[in-house]
Amino acid sequence: MSCEKISHIDMPRQLPPLNALRAFEAAGRHESFTGAAAELGVSHSAISKHVRGLEDRLGVQLFREASRGVALTQNGAAYLAQLTPAFDTIAEATETVNDRPQGELAVNAETVFAMKWLVPNLKRFTNAHPDITLKLDASEMLIDIARYEADIAIRFFLAGAPDGTAALISDAAIYPYAAPSIAAEVAGDPARLLNYPLLRDRGGEPWVRWFTEIDRPDLAAQVPERPRMRALLAIESVIAEQGVLLSSADNVKLDKDAGRLVRCFDHGFQQGSYYMLFGEGVLRRKPVRLFRDWLLAETHEFRQDDAQHTDE
């Protein structure tokens, strides 16, 4: 008696309904039925119904009640650990077939970076990817990426690096900049800087440090105390010949290239960095990865390691 080999093609898969799997996977990532409902565009009750139906089908409890929403059980966590990569694989396979990535991308940037760098350069991204709907917003507040208020947030950190998934955009050194007429007046003599309001586009007392680093502690001691002006207003004030600005190249590139600002002295130092922050799991989406790669390529000159490598 011969045994006939059975191909896996002939064996039906034991799969729960796809909508139930999507509901569970989203709820598991968020640990919230409300968060899953918002992501999938359905009601809270629909998520709950799908999850309860899946639990009945599997004969196990996937979630338990928690102080804030729900939490995965041990079975639920084990199931999610296998489902999420499976959904990622399906998404990547679909993106491979579709050469033109589609979808929405929400980016929230600090106002000065948005106005002075991102908006003037954004056309290159939108022209290259016309099927991606980009939603751009600007804010001075650190939005809650974990709650999906944006896919990507661009934020400045005066010191250190952010927690979570992030990519360095710029750690460019800061230098003194002024309108051409003032730059000509102060050229060669740092003491002349004290004849003008000393503005800055970041916190702390960078002017004191700058004078100290050029071995002029006498000038550092004369730096007046002034309330900090918002970065965008400080840049515009300097363009209007109302002071001298300590700023990094990223924030002034647009105006420097246009001849509205000139670097006054060659000494600079590094203080603070811009980072891209990513919401949990958003890098699974091709539009997010494309924007990340585009922005990193466009800003390579502002990263000191990249710039040094380019010069070698």
C-alpha atoms as a PDB file:
ATOM      1  CA  MET A   1       0.000   0.000   0.000  1.00  0.00           C
ATOM      2  CA  SER A   2       1.527   3.281  -1.091  1.00  0.00           C
ATOM      3  CA  CYS A   3       1.344   6.535   0.784  1.00  0.00           C
ATOM      4  CA  GLU A   4       0.578   9.619  -1.262  1.00  0.00           C
ATOM      5  CA  LYS A   5       2.430  12.758  -0.214  1.00  0.00           C
ATOM      6  CA  ILE A   6       0.044  15.585   0.603  1.00  0.00           C
ATOM      7  CA  SER A   7       1.118  19.018  -0.581  1.00  0.00           C
ATOM      8  CA  HIS A   8       0.677  22.002   1.744  1.00  0.00           C
ATOM      9  CA  ILE A   9      -1.155  23.629  -1.151  1.00  0.00           C
ATOM     10  CA  ASP A  10      -3.999  21.158  -0.641  1.00  0.00           C
ATOM     11  CA  MET A  11      -4.278  21.808   3.088  1.00  0.00           C
ATOM     12  CA  PRO A  12      -6.684  24.565   4.062  1.00  0.00           C
ATOM     13  CA  ARG A  13      -5.325  27.114   6.519  1.00  0.00           C
ATOM     14  CA  GLN A  14      -7.052  27.495   9.858  1.00  0.00           C
ATOM     15  CA  LEU A  15      -7.380  31.256   9.881  1.00  0.00           C
ATOM     16  CA  PRO A  16      -9.687  33.406  12.000  1.00  0.00           C
ATOM     17  CA  PRO A  17     -11.498  36.256  10.211  1.00  0.00           C
ATOM     18  CA  LEU A  18      -9.025  38.901   8.998  1.00  0.00           C
ATOM     19  CA  ASN A  19     -10.978  41.766  10.570  1.00  0.00           C
ATOM     20  CA  ALA A  20     -10.764  40.053  13.945  1.00  0.00           C
ATOM     21  CA  LEU A  21      -7.009  39.609  13.576  1.00  0.00           C
ATOM     22  CA  ARG A  22      -6.550  43.251  12.552  1.00  0.00           C
ATOM     23  CA  ALA A  23      -8.631  44.410  15.525  1.00  0.00           C
ATOM     24  CA  PHE A  24      -6.655  42.295  17.970  1.00  0.00           C
ATOM     25  CA  GLU A  25      -3.277  43.262  16.510  1.00  0.00           C
ATOM     26  CA  ALA A  26      -4.041  46.990  16.641  1.00  0.00           C
ATOM     27  CA  ALA A  27      -5.535  46.752  20.132  1.00  0.00           C
ATOM     28  CA  GLY A  28      -2.518  44.783  21.293  1.00  0.00           C
ATOM     29  CA  ARG A  29      -0.026  47.351  20.002  1.00  0.00           C
ATOM     30  CA  HIS A  30      -1.946  50.224  21.560  1.00  0.00           C
ATOM     31  CA  GLU A  31      -3.079  48.232  24.594  1.00  0.00           C
ATOM     32  CA  SER A  32      -6.270  50.139  24.032  1.00  0.00           C
ATOM     33  CA  PHE A  33      -9.504  49.377  22.202  1.00  0.00           C
ATOM     34  CA  THR A  34      -9.983  53.115  21.722  1.00  0.00           C
ATOM     35  CA  GLY A  35      -6.565  53.480  20.109  1.00  0.00           C
ATOM     36  CA  ALA A  36      -7.236  50.523  17.825  1.00  0.00           C
ATOM     37  CA  ALA A  37     -10.606  51.966  16.827  1.00  0.00           C
ATOM     38  CA  ALA A  38      -9.002  55.295  15.910  1.00  0.00           C
ATOM     39  CA  GLU A  39      -6.282  53.596  13.849  1.00  0.00           C
ATOM     40  CA  LEU A  40      -8.676  51.347  11.935  1.00  0.00           C
ATOM     41  CA  GLY A  41     -11.470  53.898  11.587  1.00  0.00           C
ATOM     42  CA  VAL A  42     -14.130  51.830  13.336  1.00  0.00           C
ATOM     43  CA  SER A  43     -16.035  52.084  16.603  1.00  0.00           C
ATOM     44  CA  HIS A  44     -14.830  50.974  20.015  1.00  0.00           C
ATOM     45  CA  SER A  45     -17.648  48.441  20.154  1.00  0.00           C
ATOM     46  CA  ALA A  46     -16.564  46.953  16.815  1.00  0.00           C
ATOM     47  CA  ILE A  47     -13.056  46.345  18.150  1.00  0.00           C
ATOM     48  CA  SER A  48     -14.475  44.808  21.324  1.00  0.00           C
ATOM     49  CA  LYS A  49     -16.802  42.528  19.339  1.00  0.00           C
ATOM     50  CA  HIS A  50     -13.993  41.322  17.062  1.00  0.00           C
ATOM     51  CA  VAL A  51     -11.661  40.644  19.990  1.00  0.00           C
ATOM     52  CA  ARG A  52     -14.314  38.763  22.006  1.00  0.00           C
ATOM     53  CA  GLY A  53     -15.182  36.702  18.948  1.00  0.00           C
ATOM     54  CA  LEU A  54     -11.513  35.864  18.426  1.00  0.00           C
ATOM     55  CA  GLU A  55     -11.153  34.839  22.063  1.00  0.00           C
ATOM     56  CA  ASP A  56     -14.183  32.551  21.748  1.00  0.00           C
ATOM     57  CA  ARG A  57     -12.774  31.002  18.591  1.00  0.00           C
ATOM     58  CA  LEU A  58      -9.329  30.407  20.115  1.00  0.00           C
ATOM     59  CA  GLY A  59     -10.639  29.414  23.527  1.00  0.00           C
ATOM     60  CA  VAL A  60      -8.168  31.681  25.344  1.00  0.00           C
ATOM     61  CA  GLN A  61      -8.272  35.107  26.966  1.00  0.00           C
ATOM     62  CA  LEU A  62      -6.182  37.648  25.062  1.00  0.00           C
ATOM     63  CA  PHE A  63      -6.750  40.751  27.198  1.00  0.00           C
ATOM     64  CA  ARG A  64      -7.407  41.510  30.832  1.00  0.00           C
ATOM     65  CA  GLU A  65      -8.778  44.651  32.413  1.00  0.00           C
ATOM     66  CA  ALA A  66      -6.154  47.197  33.478  1.00  0.00           C
ATOM     67  CA  SER A  67      -6.171  50.512  35.326  1.00  0.00           C
ATOM     68  CA  ARG A  68      -5.905  52.279  31.973  1.00  0.00           C
ATOM     69  CA  GLY A  69      -7.733  50.388  29.261  1.00  0.00           C
ATOM     70  CA  VAL A  70      -6.635  46.799  28.732  1.00  0.00           C
ATOM     71  CA  ALA A  71      -3.453  44.755  28.986  1.00  0.00           C
ATOM     72  CA  LEU A  72      -2.364  41.662  27.111  1.00  0.00           C
ATOM     73  CA  THR A  73      -2.450  38.318  28.847  1.00  0.00           C
ATOM     74  CA  GLN A  74       0.486  35.928  28.434  1.00  0.00           C
ATOM     75  CA  ASN A  75      -1.370  34.191  25.599  1.00  0.00           C
ATOM     76  CA  GLY A  76      -2.254  37.533  24.044  1.00  0.00           C
ATOM     77  CA  ALA A  77       1.351  38.766  24.147  1.00  0.00           C
ATOM     78  CA  ALA A  78       2.603  35.543  22.561  1.00  0.00           C
ATOM     79  CA  TYR A  79      -0.026  35.742  19.812  1.00  0.00           C
ATOM     80  CA  LEU A  80       0.721  39.421  19.117  1.00  0.00           C
ATOM     81  CA  ALA A  81       4.462  38.712  18.887  1.00  0.00           C
ATOM     82  CA  GLN A  82       3.765  36.474  15.886  1.00  0.00           C
ATOM     83  CA  LEU A  83       0.912  38.406  14.293  1.00  0.00           C
ATOM     84  CA  THR A  84       2.616  41.810  14.060  1.00  0.00           C
ATOM     85  CA  PRO A  85       5.593  40.532  12.005  1.00  0.00           C
ATOM     86  CA  ALA A  86       3.133  38.609   9.808  1.00  0.00           C
ATOM     87  CA  PHE A  87       1.160  41.797   9.085  1.00  0.00           C
ATOM     88  CA  ASP A  88       4.447  43.627   8.476  1.00  0.00           C
ATOM     89  CA  THR A  89       5.441  40.996   5.927  1.00  0.00           C
ATOM     90  CA  ILE A  90       2.107  41.341   4.123  1.00  0.00           C
ATOM     91  CA  ALA A  91       2.436  45.133   4.099  1.00  0.00           C
ATOM     92  CA  GLU A  92       5.994  44.981   2.754  1.00  0.00           C
ATOM     93  CA  ALA A  93       4.976  42.485   0.075  1.00  0.00           C
ATOM     94  CA  THR A  94       2.146  44.802  -0.984  1.00  0.00           C
ATOM     95  CA  GLU A  95       4.495  47.782  -1.126  1.00  0.00           C
ATOM     96  CA  THR A  96       6.917  45.790  -3.279  1.00  0.00           C
ATOM     97  CA  VAL A  97       4.170  45.128  -5.818  1.00  0.00           C
ATOM     98  CA  ASN A  98       3.004  48.735  -5.728  1.00  0.00           C
ATOM     99  CA  ASP A  99       5.869  50.914  -6.992  1.00  0.00           C
ATOM    100  CA  ARG A 100       3.961  54.109  -6.173  1.00  0.00           C
ATOM    101  CA  PRO A 101       3.552  54.361  -2.386  1.00  0.00           C
ATOM    102  CA  GLN A 102       0.271  55.869  -1.301  1.00  0.00           C
ATOM    103  CA  GLY A 103      -1.151  57.067   1.958  1.00  0.00           C
ATOM    104  CA  GLU A 104      -1.043  59.924   4.423  1.00  0.00           C
ATOM    105  CA  LEU A 105       1.997  61.083   6.327  1.00  0.00           C
ATOM    106  CA  ALA A 106       1.676  63.423   9.311  1.00  0.00           C
ATOM    107  CA  VAL A 107       4.765  65.469  10.214  1.00  0.00           C
ATOM    108  CA  ASN A 108       4.964  67.954  13.083  1.00  0.00           C
ATOM    109  CA  ALA A 109       8.063  70.173  13.223  1.00  0.00           C
ATOM    110  CA  GLU A 110       9.301  72.957  15.445  1.00  0.00           C
ATOM    111  CA  THR A 111       8.269  76.273  13.952  1.00  0.00           C
ATOM    112  CA  VAL A 112      11.705  77.657  13.096  1.00  0.00           C
ATOM    113  CA  PHE A 113      12.835  74.435  11.388  1.00  0.00           C
ATOM    114  CA  ALA A 114       9.524  74.143   9.557  1.00  0.00           C
ATOM    115  CA  MET A 115       9.589  77.733   8.279  1.00  0.00           C
ATOM    116  CA  LYS A 116      13.298  78.149   7.614  1.00  0.00           C
ATOM    117  CA  TRP A 117      14.266  74.749   6.262  1.00  0.00           C
ATOM    118  CA  LEU A 118      11.477  72.210   5.788  1.00  0.00           C
ATOM    119  CA  VAL A 119       8.881  74.247   3.863  1.00  0.00           C
ATOM    120  CA  PRO A 120      11.416  75.808   1.428  1.00  0.00           C
ATOM    121  CA  ASN A 121      12.770  72.342   0.558  1.00  0.00           C
ATOM    122  CA  LEU A 122       9.618  70.227   0.790  1.00  0.00           C
ATOM    123  CA  LYS A 123       8.731  70.530  -2.883  1.00  0.00           C
ATOM    124  CA  ARG A 124      11.512  68.109  -3.772  1.00  0.00           C
ATOM    125  CA  PHE A 125       9.837  65.413  -1.685  1.00  0.00           C
ATOM    126  CA  THR A 126       6.288  66.075  -2.875  1.00  0.00           C
ATOM    127  CA  ASN A 127       7.401  66.164  -6.515  1.00  0.00           C
ATOM    128  CA  ALA A 128       9.152  62.825  -6.109  1.00  0.00           C
ATOM    129  CA  HIS A 129       6.175  61.228  -4.320  1.00  0.00           C
ATOM    130  CA  PRO A 130       2.956  62.847  -5.569  1.00  0.00           C
ATOM    131  CA  ASP A 131       0.787  59.974  -4.300  1.00  0.00           C
ATOM    132  CA  ILE A 132       1.760  60.587  -0.669  1.00  0.00           C
ATOM    133  CA  THR A 133      -0.531  63.056   1.093  1.00  0.00           C
ATOM    134  CA  LEU A 134       1.684  65.028   3.458  1.00  0.00           C
ATOM    135  CA  LYS A 135       0.082  66.739   6.451  1.00  0.00           C
ATOM    136  CA  LEU A 136       2.541  69.256   7.893  1.00  0.00           C
ATOM    137  CA  ASP A 137       2.032  71.110  11.151  1.00  0.00           C
ATOM    138  CA  ALA A 138       4.302  73.285  13.273  1.00  0.00           C
ATOM    139  CA  SER A 139       4.405  73.505  17.041  1.00  0.00           C
ATOM    140  CA  GLU A 140       6.735  74.530  19.851  1.00  0.00           C
ATOM    141  CA  MET A 141       5.348  71.825  22.136  1.00  0.00           C
ATOM    142  CA  LEU A 142       6.615  68.247  22.276  1.00  0.00           C
ATOM    143  CA  ILE A 143       3.605  66.347  20.986  1.00  0.00           C
ATOM    144  CA  ASP A 144       2.765  62.895  22.289  1.00  0.00           C
ATOM    145  CA  ILE A 145       4.079  60.658  19.527  1.00  0.00           C
ATOM    146  CA  ALA A 146       2.966  57.611  21.499  1.00  0.00           C
ATOM    147  CA  ARG A 147      -0.650  58.664  20.942  1.00  0.00           C
ATOM    148  CA  TYR A 148      -0.172  59.007  17.189  1.00  0.00           C
ATOM    149  CA  GLU A 149      -0.695  62.754  16.996  1.00  0.00           C
ATOM    150  CA  ALA A 150       1.925  62.568  14.228  1.00  0.00           C
ATOM    151  CA  ASP A 151       3.912  59.910  12.443  1.00  0.00           C
ATOM    152  CA  ILE A 152       7.098  61.973  12.693  1.00  0.00           C
ATOM    153  CA  ALA A 153       7.969  64.862  15.002  1.00  0.00           C
ATOM    154  CA  ILE A 154      11.028  67.069  14.439  1.00  0.00           C
ATOM    155  CA  ARG A 155      12.319  68.492  17.683  1.00  0.00           C
ATOM    156  CA  PHE A 156      15.373  70.319  19.024  1.00  0.00           C
ATOM    157  CA  PHE A 157      17.201  68.934  22.071  1.00  0.00           C
ATOM    158  CA  LEU A 158      19.612  71.279  23.808  1.00  0.00           C
ATOM    159  CA  ALA A 159      21.500  68.349  25.316  1.00  0.00           C
ATOM    160  CA  GLY A 160      21.443  64.591  25.014  1.00  0.00           C
ATOM    161  CA  ALA A 161      19.310  62.441  22.740  1.00  0.00           C
ATOM    162  CA  PRO A 162      15.602  61.578  22.877  1.00  0.00           C
ATOM    163  CA  ASP A 163      14.232  58.310  24.193  1.00  0.00           C
ATOM    164  CA  GLY A 164      12.568  55.936  21.770  1.00  0.00           C
ATOM    165  CA  THR A 165      13.042  55.556  18.033  1.00  0.00           C
ATOM    166  CA  ALA A 166      14.759  58.650  16.638  1.00  0.00           C
ATOM    167  CA  ALA A 167      17.190  59.773  13.927  1.00  0.00           C
ATOM    168  CA  LEU A 168      19.658  62.653  14.141  1.00  0.00           C
ATOM    169  CA  ILE A 169      18.961  65.377  11.580  1.00  0.00           C
ATOM    170  CA  SER A 170      21.469  68.055  12.550  1.00  0.00           C
ATOM    171  CA  ASP A 171      24.146  68.689  15.144  1.00  0.00           C
ATOM    172  CA  ALA A 172      25.635  71.635  13.298  1.00  0.00           C
ATOM    173  CA  ALA A 173      27.811  74.073  15.219  1.00  0.00           C
ATOM    174  CA  ILE A 174      26.524  77.554  15.991  1.00  0.00           C
ATOM    175  CA  TYR A 175      28.210  80.736  14.697  1.00  0.00           C
ATOM    176  CA  PRO A 176      27.518  84.488  14.826  1.00  0.00           C
ATOM    177  CA  TYR A 177      25.408  85.749  11.888  1.00  0.00           C
ATOM    178  CA  ALA A 178      24.317  89.250  10.954  1.00  0.00           C
ATOM    179  CA  ALA A 179      22.900  91.260   8.084  1.00  0.00           C
ATOM    180  CA  PRO A 180      25.645  92.155   5.548  1.00  0.00           C
ATOM    181  CA  SER A 181      25.950  95.768   6.717  1.00  0.00           C
ATOM    182  CA  ILE A 182      26.439  94.792  10.373  1.00  0.00           C
ATOM    183  CA  ALA A 183      28.723  91.878   9.482  1.00  0.00           C
ATOM    184  CA  ALA A 184      30.984  94.386   7.716  1.00  0.00           C
ATOM    185  CA  GLU A 185      30.971  96.661  10.788  1.00  0.00           C
ATOM    186  CA  VAL A 186      32.042  93.939  13.252  1.00  0.00           C
ATOM    187  CA  ALA A 187      34.494  92.105  10.966  1.00  0.00           C
ATOM    188  CA  GLY A 188      37.792  91.328  12.674  1.00  0.00           C
ATOM    189  CA  ASP A 189      36.892  92.790  16.057  1.00  0.00           C
ATOM    190  CA  PRO A 190      34.646  90.726  18.369  1.00  0.00           C
ATOM    191  CA  ALA A 191      34.354  93.683  20.752  1.00  0.00           C
ATOM    192  CA  ARG A 192      32.207  95.480  18.184  1.00  0.00           C
ATOM    193  CA  LEU A 193      29.542  92.787  18.625  1.00  0.00           C
ATOM    194  CA  LEU A 194      28.646  94.437  21.946  1.00  0.00           C
ATOM    195  CA  ASN A 195      27.437  97.485  20.019  1.00  0.00           C
ATOM    196  CA  TYR A 196      24.428  95.442  18.899  1.00  0.00           C
ATOM    197  CA  PRO A 197      21.740  93.323  20.581  1.00  0.00           C
ATOM    198  CA  LEU A 198      23.105  89.782  20.945  1.00  0.00           C
ATOM    199  CA  LEU A 199      20.371  87.341  19.986  1.00  0.00           C
ATOM    200  CA  ARG A 200      20.293  83.536  19.985  1.00  0.00           C
ATOM    201  CA  ASP A 201      18.050  80.837  18.574  1.00  0.00           C
ATOM    202  CA  ARG A 202      18.329  78.477  21.564  1.00  0.00           C
ATOM    203  CA  GLY A 203      18.379  78.487  25.352  1.00  0.00           C
ATOM    204  CA  GLY A 204      21.246  78.956  27.758  1.00  0.00           C
ATOM    205  CA  GLU A 205      23.923  81.636  27.477  1.00  0.00           C
ATOM    206  CA  PRO A 206      25.780  80.705  24.279  1.00  0.00           C
ATOM    207  CA  TRP A 207      27.211  84.214  23.812  1.00  0.00           C
ATOM    208  CA  VAL A 208      29.095  83.960  27.106  1.00  0.00           C
ATOM    209  CA  ARG A 209      30.534  80.647  25.977  1.00  0.00           C
ATOM    210  CA  TRP A 210      31.409  82.000  22.532  1.00  0.00           C
ATOM    211  CA  PHE A 211      33.385  84.975  23.891  1.00  0.00           C
ATOM    212  CA  THR A 212      35.076  82.693  26.438  1.00  0.00           C
ATOM    213  CA  GLU A 213      36.143  80.218  23.756  1.00  0.00           C
ATOM    214  CA  ILE A 214      37.811  82.949  21.674  1.00  0.00           C
ATOM    215  CA  ASP A 215      39.805  83.920  24.785  1.00  0.00           C
ATOM    216  CA  ARG A 216      37.891  87.138  25.450  1.00  0.00           C
ATOM    217  CA  PRO A 217      36.548  86.641  28.989  1.00  0.00           C
ATOM    218  CA  ASP A 218      36.434  90.440  29.308  1.00  0.00           C
ATOM    219  CA  LEU A 219      33.761  90.525  26.589  1.00  0.00           C
ATOM    220  CA  ALA A 220      31.966  87.494  28.042  1.00  0.00           C
ATOM    221  CA  ALA A 221      31.533  89.434  31.286  1.00  0.00           C
ATOM    222  CA  GLN A 222      29.849  92.268  29.376  1.00  0.00           C
ATOM    223  CA  VAL A 223      27.164  90.178  27.678  1.00  0.00           C
ATOM    224  CA  PRO A 224      23.912  91.848  28.763  1.00  0.00           C
ATOM    225  CA  GLU A 225      21.070  89.832  30.222  1.00  0.00           C
ATOM    226  CA  ARG A 226      18.115  89.919  27.884  1.00  0.00           C
ATOM    227  CA  PRO A 227      14.907  87.894  27.765  1.00  0.00           C
ATOM    228  CA  ARG A 228      15.201  85.204  25.107  1.00  0.00           C
ATOM    229  CA  MET A 229      13.396  85.972  21.850  1.00  0.00           C
ATOM    230  CA  ARG A 230      11.761  83.116  19.957  1.00  0.00           C
ATOM    231  CA  ALA A 231      14.107  81.737  17.319  1.00  0.00           C
ATOM    232  CA  LEU A 232      12.028  82.738  14.301  1.00  0.00           C
ATOM    233  CA  LEU A 233      11.648  86.318  15.581  1.00  0.00           C
ATOM    234  CA  ALA A 234      15.349  86.490  16.417  1.00  0.00           C
ATOM    235  CA  ILE A 235      16.298  85.521  12.862  1.00  0.00           C
ATOM    236  CA  GLU A 236      13.928  88.061  11.354  1.00  0.00           C
ATOM    237  CA  SER A 237      15.207  90.765  13.718  1.00  0.00           C
ATOM    238  CA  VAL A 238      18.793  90.153  12.627  1.00  0.00           C
ATOM    239  CA  ILE A 239      17.804  90.224   8.955  1.00  0.00           C
ATOM    240  CA  ALA A 240      16.241  93.620   9.707  1.00  0.00           C
ATOM    241  CA  GLU A 241      19.625  94.822  11.039  1.00  0.00           C
ATOM    242  CA  GLN A 242      18.482  94.777  14.661  1.00  0.00           C
ATOM    243  CA  GLY A 243      21.217  92.631  16.150  1.00  0.00           C
ATOM    244  CA  VAL A 244      23.631  89.716  15.768  1.00  0.00           C
ATOM    245  CA  LEU A 245      22.530  86.108  16.073  1.00  0.00           C
ATOM    246  CA  LEU A 246      24.189  82.953  17.341  1.00  0.00           C
ATOM    247  CA  SER A 247      22.617  80.188  15.265  1.00  0.00           C
ATOM    248  CA  SER A 248      23.330  76.879  13.599  1.00  0.00           C
ATOM    249  CA  ALA A 249      23.581  76.557   9.834  1.00  0.00           C
ATOM    250  CA  ASP A 250      20.297  74.643   9.499  1.00  0.00           C
ATOM    251  CA  ASN A 251      18.162  77.515  10.760  1.00  0.00           C
ATOM    252  CA  VAL A 252      19.870  80.222   8.690  1.00  0.00           C
ATOM    253  CA  LYS A 253      20.765  78.379   5.474  1.00  0.00           C
ATOM    254  CA  LEU A 254      17.826  79.854   3.536  1.00  0.00           C
ATOM    255  CA  ASP A 255      18.716  83.441   4.464  1.00  0.00           C
ATOM    256  CA  LYS A 256      22.473  82.905   4.166  1.00  0.00           C
ATOM    257  CA  ASP A 257      22.118  81.457   0.658  1.00  0.00           C
ATOM    258  CA  ALA A 258      19.915  84.430  -0.272  1.00  0.00           C
ATOM    259  CA  GLY A 259      22.519  86.898   1.019  1.00  0.00           C
ATOM    260  CA  ARG A 260      20.336  88.206   3.825  1.00  0.00           C
ATOM    261  CA  LEU A 261      22.679  86.876   6.518  1.00  0.00           C
ATOM    262  CA  VAL A 262      26.471  86.575   6.668  1.00  0.00           C
ATOM    263  CA  ARG A 263      28.617  84.577   9.075  1.00  0.00           C
ATOM    264  CA  CYS A 264      30.651  87.114  11.019  1.00  0.00           C
ATOM    265  CA  PHE A 265      33.425  84.952  12.519  1.00  0.00           C
ATOM    266  CA  ASP A 266      34.846  81.500  11.883  1.00  0.00           C
ATOM    267  CA  HIS A 267      34.744  80.225  15.453  1.00  0.00           C
ATOM    268  CA  GLY A 268      31.753  78.083  16.389  1.00  0.00           C
ATOM    269  CA  PHE A 269      30.816  75.321  18.774  1.00  0.00           C
ATOM    270  CA  GLN A 270      28.239  72.553  18.947  1.00  0.00           C
ATOM    271  CA  GLN A 271      25.240  73.000  21.220  1.00  0.00           C
ATOM    272  CA  GLY A 272      22.085  70.974  20.741  1.00  0.00           C
ATOM    273  CA  SER A 273      20.674  68.858  17.925  1.00  0.00           C
ATOM    274  CA  TYR A 274      17.556  68.330  15.822  1.00  0.00           C
ATOM    275  CA  TYR A 275      16.055  64.838  15.788  1.00  0.00           C
ATOM    276  CA  MET A 276      13.262  63.030  13.994  1.00  0.00           C
ATOM    277  CA  LEU A 277      11.066  61.167  16.466  1.00  0.00           C
ATOM    278  CA  PHE A 278       8.934  58.279  15.203  1.00  0.00           C
ATOM    279  CA  GLY A 279       5.646  56.954  16.521  1.00  0.00           C
ATOM    280  CA  GLU A 280       5.619  53.318  17.550  1.00  0.00           C
ATOM    281  CA  GLY A 281       5.509  51.063  14.514  1.00  0.00           C
ATOM    282  CA  VAL A 282       5.232  53.851  11.919  1.00  0.00           C
ATOM    283  CA  LEU A 283       8.477  52.840  10.226  1.00  0.00           C
ATOM    284  CA  ARG A 284       6.604  49.795   8.938  1.00  0.00           C
ATOM    285  CA  ARG A 285       4.921  52.168   6.484  1.00  0.00           C
ATOM    286  CA  LYS A 286       6.738  52.961   3.275  1.00  0.00           C
ATOM    287  CA  PRO A 287       5.735  56.687   3.140  1.00  0.00           C
ATOM    288  CA  VAL A 288       7.328  57.179   6.567  1.00  0.00           C
ATOM    289  CA  ARG A 289      10.537  55.443   5.519  1.00  0.00           C
ATOM    290  CA  LEU A 290      10.697  57.433   2.290  1.00  0.00           C
ATOM    291  CA  PHE A 291      10.349  60.742   4.154  1.00  0.00           C
ATOM    292  CA  ARG A 292      12.955  59.684   6.711  1.00  0.00           C
ATOM    293  CA  ASP A 293      15.446  58.717   4.020  1.00  0.00           C
ATOM    294  CA  TRP A 294      14.764  61.903   2.036  1.00  0.00           C
ATOM    295  CA  LEU A 295      15.230  64.184   5.038  1.00  0.00           C
ATOM    296  CA  LEU A 296      18.427  62.453   6.150  1.00  0.00           C
ATOM    297  CA  ALA A 297      19.859  62.746   2.645  1.00  0.00           C
ATOM    298  CA  GLU A 298      18.898  66.420   2.361  1.00  0.00           C
ATOM    299  CA  THR A 299      20.398  67.365   5.739  1.00  0.00           C
ATOM    300  CA  HIS A 300      23.648  65.387   5.634  1.00  0.00           C
ATOM    301  CA  GLU A 301      25.694  68.618   5.535  1.00  0.00           C
ATOM    302  CA  PHE A 302      24.354  69.556   8.984  1.00  0.00           C
ATOM    303  CA  ARG A 303      25.575  66.377  10.698  1.00  0.00           C
ATOM    304  CA  GLN A 304      29.172  66.806  11.769  1.00  0.00           C
ATOM    305  CA  ASP A 305      30.151  63.154  11.289  1.00  0.00           C
ATOM    306  CA  ASP A 306      28.631  63.103   7.793  1.00  0.00           C
ATOM    307  CA  ALA A 307      30.234  66.407   6.825  1.00  0.00           C
ATOM    308  CA  GLN A 308      33.669  65.284   8.014  1.00  0.00           C
ATOM    309  CA  HIS A 309      33.314  62.009   6.129  1.00  0.00           C
ATOM    310  CA  THR A 310      32.367  63.919   2.970  1.00  0.00           C
ATOM    311  CA  ASP A 311      35.419  66.160   3.286  1.00  0.00           C
ATOM    312  CA  GLU A 312      37.830  63.222   3.637  1.00  0.00           C
END
